[in-house]
């Protein structure tokens, strides 16, 4: 791959405040609310509700829907 070539953009677009379901990883099948989106790293910071408490977690774009 050339250094100046553009990388493909993911089809999924997340925004702060969106509700997501985690599909992979330690928090699979939990739901949460997106707190922050980092498009450069293709990651989102999510507040996941576990046992009635909001727990922050960082997910890659492909780990949530």
PDB file of N, CA and C in Angstrom:
ATOM      1  N   UNK A   1       0.840  -1.162   0.000  1.00  0.00           N
ATOM      2  CA  UNK A   1       0.000   0.000   0.000  1.00  0.00           C
ATOM      3  C   UNK A   1       0.893   1.234   0.000  1.00  0.00           C
ATOM      4  N   UNK A   2       0.551   2.210  -0.794  1.00  0.00           N
ATOM      5  CA  UNK A   2       1.325   3.437  -0.828  1.00  0.00           C
ATOM      6  C   UNK A   2       1.043   4.257   0.415  1.00  0.00           C
ATOM      7  N   UNK A   3       2.015   5.042   0.809  1.00  0.00           N
ATOM      8  CA  UNK A   3       1.871   5.819   2.027  1.00  0.00           C
ATOM      9  C   UNK A   3       0.806   6.903   1.912  1.00  0.00           C
ATOM     10  N   UNK A   4       0.634   7.498   0.751  1.00  0.00           N
ATOM     11  CA  UNK A   4      -0.319   8.587   0.593  1.00  0.00           C
ATOM     12  C   UNK A   4      -1.708   8.141   0.197  1.00  0.00           C
ATOM     13  N   UNK A   5      -1.936   6.844   0.023  1.00  0.00           N
ATOM     14  CA  UNK A   5      -3.244   6.387  -0.438  1.00  0.00           C
ATOM     15  C   UNK A   5      -4.285   6.511   0.679  1.00  0.00           C
ATOM     16  N   UNK A   6      -5.508   6.750   0.280  1.00  0.00           N
ATOM     17  CA  UNK A   6      -6.592   6.907   1.247  1.00  0.00           C
ATOM     18  C   UNK A   6      -7.049   5.541   1.728  1.00  0.00           C
ATOM     19  N   UNK A   7      -7.312   5.444   3.030  1.00  0.00           N
ATOM     20  CA  UNK A   7      -7.808   4.201   3.589  1.00  0.00           C
ATOM     21  C   UNK A   7      -9.312   4.163   3.454  1.00  0.00           C
ATOM     22  N   UNK A   8      -9.889   2.962   3.286  1.00  0.00           N
ATOM     23  CA  UNK A   8     -11.349   2.880   3.161  1.00  0.00           C
ATOM     24  C   UNK A   8     -12.030   3.289   4.455  1.00  0.00           C
ATOM     25  N   UNK A   9     -13.137   3.979   4.323  1.00  0.00           N
ATOM     26  CA  UNK A   9     -13.894   4.412   5.492  1.00  0.00           C
ATOM     27  C   UNK A   9     -14.915   3.340   5.851  1.00  0.00           C
ATOM     28  N   UNK A  10     -15.164   3.143   7.135  1.00  0.00           N
ATOM     29  CA  UNK A  10     -16.165   2.151   7.538  1.00  0.00           C
ATOM     30  C   UNK A  10     -17.557   2.610   7.146  1.00  0.00           C
ATOM     31  N   UNK A  11     -18.445   1.641   6.877  1.00  0.00           N
ATOM     32  CA  UNK A  11     -19.809   1.956   6.493  1.00  0.00           C
ATOM     33  C   UNK A  11     -20.625   2.473   7.666  1.00  0.00           C
ATOM     34  N   UNK A  12     -20.262   2.066   8.868  1.00  0.00           N
ATOM     35  CA  UNK A  12     -21.008   2.439  10.061  1.00  0.00           C
ATOM     36  C   UNK A  12     -20.538   3.799  10.549  1.00  0.00           C
ATOM     37  N   UNK A  13     -21.483   4.678  10.812  1.00  0.00           N
ATOM     38  CA  UNK A  13     -21.149   6.000  11.338  1.00  0.00           C
ATOM     39  C   UNK A  13     -21.804   6.123  12.711  1.00  0.00           C
ATOM     40  N   UNK A  14     -20.983   6.375  13.710  1.00  0.00           N
ATOM     41  CA  UNK A  14     -21.478   6.526  15.075  1.00  0.00           C
ATOM     42  C   UNK A  14     -21.450   7.992  15.468  1.00  0.00           C
ATOM     43  N   UNK A  15     -22.368   8.367  16.354  1.00  0.00           N
ATOM     44  CA  UNK A  15     -22.410   9.722  16.889  1.00  0.00           C
ATOM     45  C   UNK A  15     -22.612   9.646  18.395  1.00  0.00           C
ATOM     46  N   UNK A  16     -22.119  10.647  19.096  1.00  0.00           N
ATOM     47  CA  UNK A  16     -22.302  10.707  20.548  1.00  0.00           C
ATOM     48  C   UNK A  16     -23.794  10.709  20.867  1.00  0.00           C
ATOM     49  N   UNK A  17     -24.174   9.917  21.863  1.00  0.00           N
ATOM     50  CA  UNK A  17     -25.575   9.816  22.264  1.00  0.00           C
ATOM     51  C   UNK A  17     -26.297   8.624  21.661  1.00  0.00           C
ATOM     52  N   UNK A  18     -25.713   7.976  20.645  1.00  0.00           N
ATOM     53  CA  UNK A  18     -26.330   6.794  20.038  1.00  0.00           C
ATOM     54  C   UNK A  18     -26.284   5.623  21.014  1.00  0.00           C
ATOM     55  N   UNK A  19     -27.289   4.766  20.946  1.00  0.00           N
ATOM     56  CA  UNK A  19     -27.310   3.542  21.742  1.00  0.00           C
ATOM     57  C   UNK A  19     -26.758   2.417  20.880  1.00  0.00           C
ATOM     58  N   UNK A  20     -25.883   1.602  21.454  1.00  0.00           N
ATOM     59  CA  UNK A  20     -25.270   0.502  20.719  1.00  0.00           C
ATOM     60  C   UNK A  20     -25.362  -0.785  21.534  1.00  0.00           C
ATOM     61  N   UNK A  21     -25.304  -1.909  20.812  1.00  0.00           N
ATOM     62  CA  UNK A  21     -25.193  -3.223  21.439  1.00  0.00           C
ATOM     63  C   UNK A  21     -23.818  -3.752  21.102  1.00  0.00           C
ATOM     64  N   UNK A  22     -23.082  -4.183  22.117  1.00  0.00           N
ATOM     65  CA  UNK A  22     -21.736  -4.704  21.916  1.00  0.00           C
ATOM     66  C   UNK A  22     -21.855  -6.121  21.366  1.00  0.00           C
ATOM     67  N   UNK A  23     -21.131  -6.400  20.273  1.00  0.00           N
ATOM     68  CA  UNK A  23     -21.224  -7.703  19.619  1.00  0.00           C
ATOM     69  C   UNK A  23     -20.012  -8.585  19.857  1.00  0.00           C
ATOM     70  N   UNK A  24     -18.890  -8.011  20.292  1.00  0.00           N
ATOM     71  CA  UNK A  24     -17.659  -8.783  20.505  1.00  0.00           C
ATOM     72  C   UNK A  24     -16.953  -8.309  21.765  1.00  0.00           C
ATOM     73  N   UNK A  25     -16.072  -9.157  22.278  1.00  0.00           N
ATOM     74  CA  UNK A  25     -15.232  -8.765  23.404  1.00  0.00           C
ATOM     75  C   UNK A  25     -15.845  -9.105  24.749  1.00  0.00           C
ATOM     76  N   UNK A  26     -15.245  -8.545  25.788  1.00  0.00           N
ATOM     77  CA  UNK A  26     -15.652  -8.845  27.158  1.00  0.00           C
ATOM     78  C   UNK A  26     -17.069  -8.366  27.476  1.00  0.00           C
ATOM     79  N   UNK A  27     -17.544  -7.341  26.791  1.00  0.00           N
ATOM     80  CA  UNK A  27     -18.865  -6.777  27.063  1.00  0.00           C
ATOM     81  C   UNK A  27     -19.913  -7.215  26.035  1.00  0.00           C
ATOM     82  N   UNK A  28     -19.687  -8.334  25.362  1.00  0.00           N
ATOM     83  CA  UNK A  28     -20.619  -8.823  24.333  1.00  0.00           C
ATOM     84  C   UNK A  28     -22.025  -8.965  24.913  1.00  0.00           C
ATOM     85  N   UNK A  29     -23.011  -8.550  24.133  1.00  0.00           N
ATOM     86  CA  UNK A  29     -24.446  -8.608  24.441  1.00  0.00           C
ATOM     87  C   UNK A  29     -24.912  -7.572  25.458  1.00  0.00           C
ATOM     88  N   UNK A  30     -24.037  -6.682  25.897  1.00  0.00           N
ATOM     89  CA  UNK A  30     -24.457  -5.558  26.731  1.00  0.00           C
ATOM     90  C   UNK A  30     -24.804  -4.382  25.823  1.00  0.00           C
ATOM     91  N   UNK A  31     -25.596  -3.457  26.348  1.00  0.00           N
ATOM     92  CA  UNK A  31     -25.912  -2.249  25.594  1.00  0.00           C
ATOM     93  C   UNK A  31     -25.309  -1.048  26.310  1.00  0.00           C
ATOM     94  N   UNK A  32     -25.097   0.004  25.536  1.00  0.00           N
ATOM     95  CA  UNK A  32     -24.523   1.206  26.111  1.00  0.00           C
ATOM     96  C   UNK A  32     -24.813   2.424  25.263  1.00  0.00           C
ATOM     97  N   UNK A  33     -24.324   3.550  25.729  1.00  0.00           N
ATOM     98  CA  UNK A  33     -24.504   4.824  25.043  1.00  0.00           C
ATOM     99  C   UNK A  33     -23.133   5.380  24.680  1.00  0.00           C
ATOM    100  N   UNK A  34     -22.998   5.827  23.443  1.00  0.00           N
ATOM    101  CA  UNK A  34     -21.728   6.368  22.985  1.00  0.00           C
ATOM    102  C   UNK A  34     -21.487   7.719  23.633  1.00  0.00           C
ATOM    103  N   UNK A  35     -20.315   7.848  24.232  1.00  0.00           N
ATOM    104  CA  UNK A  35     -19.930   9.089  24.897  1.00  0.00           C
ATOM    105  C   UNK A  35     -19.023   9.930  24.001  1.00  0.00           C
ATOM    106  N   UNK A  36     -18.137   9.257  23.243  1.00  0.00           N
ATOM    107  CA  UNK A  36     -17.160   9.964  22.419  1.00  0.00           C
ATOM    108  C   UNK A  36     -16.802   9.102  21.212  1.00  0.00           C
ATOM    109  N   UNK A  37     -16.576   9.746  20.066  1.00  0.00           N
ATOM    110  CA  UNK A  37     -16.178   9.060  18.846  1.00  0.00           C
ATOM    111  C   UNK A  37     -14.786   9.534  18.451  1.00  0.00           C
ATOM    112  N   UNK A  38     -13.890   8.592  18.138  1.00  0.00           N
ATOM    113  CA  UNK A  38     -12.535   8.910  17.707  1.00  0.00           C
ATOM    114  C   UNK A  38     -12.344   8.342  16.297  1.00  0.00           C
ATOM    115  N   UNK A  39     -12.665   9.127  15.246  1.00  0.00           N
ATOM    116  CA  UNK A  39     -12.596   8.606  13.879  1.00  0.00           C
ATOM    117  C   UNK A  39     -11.182   8.281  13.405  1.00  0.00           C
ATOM    118  N   UNK A  40     -10.153   8.929  13.982  1.00  0.00           N
ATOM    119  CA  UNK A  40      -8.781   8.640  13.560  1.00  0.00           C
ATOM    120  C   UNK A  40      -8.362   7.227  13.949  1.00  0.00           C
ATOM    121  N   UNK A  41      -8.794   6.776  15.118  1.00  0.00           N
ATOM    122  CA  UNK A  41      -8.442   5.438  15.606  1.00  0.00           C
ATOM    123  C   UNK A  41      -9.534   4.409  15.320  1.00  0.00           C
ATOM    124  N   UNK A  42     -10.665   4.857  14.758  1.00  0.00           N
ATOM    125  CA  UNK A  42     -11.821   3.992  14.483  1.00  0.00           C
ATOM    126  C   UNK A  42     -12.334   3.344  15.763  1.00  0.00           C
ATOM    127  N   UNK A  43     -12.427   4.146  16.832  1.00  0.00           N
ATOM    128  CA  UNK A  43     -12.898   3.654  18.119  1.00  0.00           C
ATOM    129  C   UNK A  43     -13.957   4.587  18.688  1.00  0.00           C
ATOM    130  N   UNK A  44     -14.768   4.041  19.577  1.00  0.00           N
ATOM    131  CA  UNK A  44     -15.769   4.828  20.289  1.00  0.00           C
ATOM    132  C   UNK A  44     -15.649   4.538  21.778  1.00  0.00           C
ATOM    133  N   UNK A  45     -15.912   5.537  22.599  1.00  0.00           N
ATOM    134  CA  UNK A  45     -15.970   5.351  24.051  1.00  0.00           C
ATOM    135  C   UNK A  45     -17.441   5.196  24.405  1.00  0.00           C
ATOM    136  N   UNK A  46     -17.760   4.118  25.104  1.00  0.00           N
ATOM    137  CA  UNK A  46     -19.143   3.767  25.405  1.00  0.00           C
ATOM    138  C   UNK A  46     -19.325   3.637  26.906  1.00  0.00           C
ATOM    139  N   UNK A  47     -20.459   4.116  27.401  1.00  0.00           N
ATOM    140  CA  UNK A  47     -20.848   3.883  28.793  1.00  0.00           C
ATOM    141  C   UNK A  47     -21.799   2.689  28.778  1.00  0.00           C
ATOM    142  N   UNK A  48     -21.323   1.558  29.312  1.00  0.00           N
ATOM    143  CA  UNK A  48     -22.074   0.311  29.290  1.00  0.00           C
ATOM    144  C   UNK A  48     -22.734   0.114  30.646  1.00  0.00           C
ATOM    145  N   UNK A  49     -24.014  -0.215  30.634  1.00  0.00           N
ATOM    146  CA  UNK A  49     -24.752  -0.415  31.876  1.00  0.00           C
ATOM    147  C   UNK A  49     -24.564  -1.846  32.358  1.00  0.00           C
ATOM    148  N   UNK A  50     -23.826  -1.995  33.479  1.00  0.00           N
ATOM    149  CA  UNK A  50     -23.587  -3.303  34.075  1.00  0.00           C
ATOM    150  C   UNK A  50     -24.015  -3.236  35.533  1.00  0.00           C
ATOM    151  N   UNK A  51     -24.920  -4.098  35.932  1.00  0.00           N
ATOM    152  CA  UNK A  51     -25.444  -4.136  37.301  1.00  0.00           C
ATOM    153  C   UNK A  51     -25.968  -2.777  37.742  1.00  0.00           C
ATOM    154  N   UNK A  52     -26.580  -2.040  36.823  1.00  0.00           N
ATOM    155  CA  UNK A  52     -27.185  -0.759  37.143  1.00  0.00           C
ATOM    156  C   UNK A  52     -26.219   0.409  37.227  1.00  0.00           C
ATOM    157  N   UNK A  53     -24.947   0.179  36.897  1.00  0.00           N
ATOM    158  CA  UNK A  53     -23.960   1.261  36.937  1.00  0.00           C
ATOM    159  C   UNK A  53     -23.360   1.443  35.555  1.00  0.00           C
ATOM    160  N   UNK A  54     -23.053   2.666  35.208  1.00  0.00           N
ATOM    161  CA  UNK A  54     -22.427   2.975  33.921  1.00  0.00           C
ATOM    162  C   UNK A  54     -20.931   2.704  34.012  1.00  0.00           C
ATOM    163  N   UNK A  55     -20.443   1.824  33.147  1.00  0.00           N
ATOM    164  CA  UNK A  55     -19.025   1.471  33.117  1.00  0.00           C
ATOM    165  C   UNK A  55     -18.446   1.908  31.779  1.00  0.00           C
ATOM    166  N   UNK A  56     -17.391   2.733  31.771  1.00  0.00           N
ATOM    167  CA  UNK A  56     -16.821   3.171  30.496  1.00  0.00           C
ATOM    168  C   UNK A  56     -16.025   2.048  29.837  1.00  0.00           C
ATOM    169  N   UNK A  57     -16.081   2.021  28.518  1.00  0.00           N
ATOM    170  CA  UNK A  57     -15.309   1.055  27.756  1.00  0.00           C
ATOM    171  C   UNK A  57     -14.991   1.625  26.392  1.00  0.00           C
ATOM    172  N   UNK A  58     -13.948   1.113  25.761  1.00  0.00           N
ATOM    173  CA  UNK A  58     -13.565   1.581  24.433  1.00  0.00           C
ATOM    174  C   UNK A  58     -13.719   0.432  23.456  1.00  0.00           C
ATOM    175  N   UNK A  59     -14.429   0.683  22.363  1.00  0.00           N
ATOM    176  CA  UNK A  59     -14.704  -0.334  21.363  1.00  0.00           C
ATOM    177  C   UNK A  59     -14.218   0.113  20.003  1.00  0.00           C
ATOM    178  N   UNK A  60     -13.823  -0.836  19.175  1.00  0.00           N
ATOM    179  CA  UNK A  60     -13.560  -0.559  17.770  1.00  0.00           C
ATOM    180  C   UNK A  60     -14.902  -0.502  17.057  1.00  0.00           C
ATOM    181  N   UNK A  61     -14.930   0.138  15.898  1.00  0.00           N
ATOM    182  CA  UNK A  61     -16.187   0.291  15.162  1.00  0.00           C
ATOM    183  C   UNK A  61     -16.883  -1.050  14.926  1.00  0.00           C
ATOM    184  N   UNK A  62     -16.145  -2.099  14.650  1.00  0.00           N
ATOM    185  CA  UNK A  62     -16.727  -3.394  14.327  1.00  0.00           C
ATOM    186  C   UNK A  62     -17.268  -4.153  15.522  1.00  0.00           C
ATOM    187  N   UNK A  63     -17.057  -3.657  16.731  1.00  0.00           N
ATOM    188  CA  UNK A  63     -17.500  -4.355  17.919  1.00  0.00           C
ATOM    189  C   UNK A  63     -18.875  -3.921  18.415  1.00  0.00           C
ATOM    190  N   UNK A  64     -19.517  -2.999  17.738  1.00  0.00           N
ATOM    191  CA  UNK A  64     -20.831  -2.527  18.162  1.00  0.00           C
ATOM    192  C   UNK A  64     -21.763  -2.353  16.989  1.00  0.00           C
ATOM    193  N   UNK A  65     -23.042  -2.404  17.274  1.00  0.00           N
ATOM    194  CA  UNK A  65     -24.037  -2.178  16.215  1.00  0.00           C
ATOM    195  C   UNK A  65     -25.200  -1.369  16.746  1.00  0.00           C
TER     196      UNK A  65
END
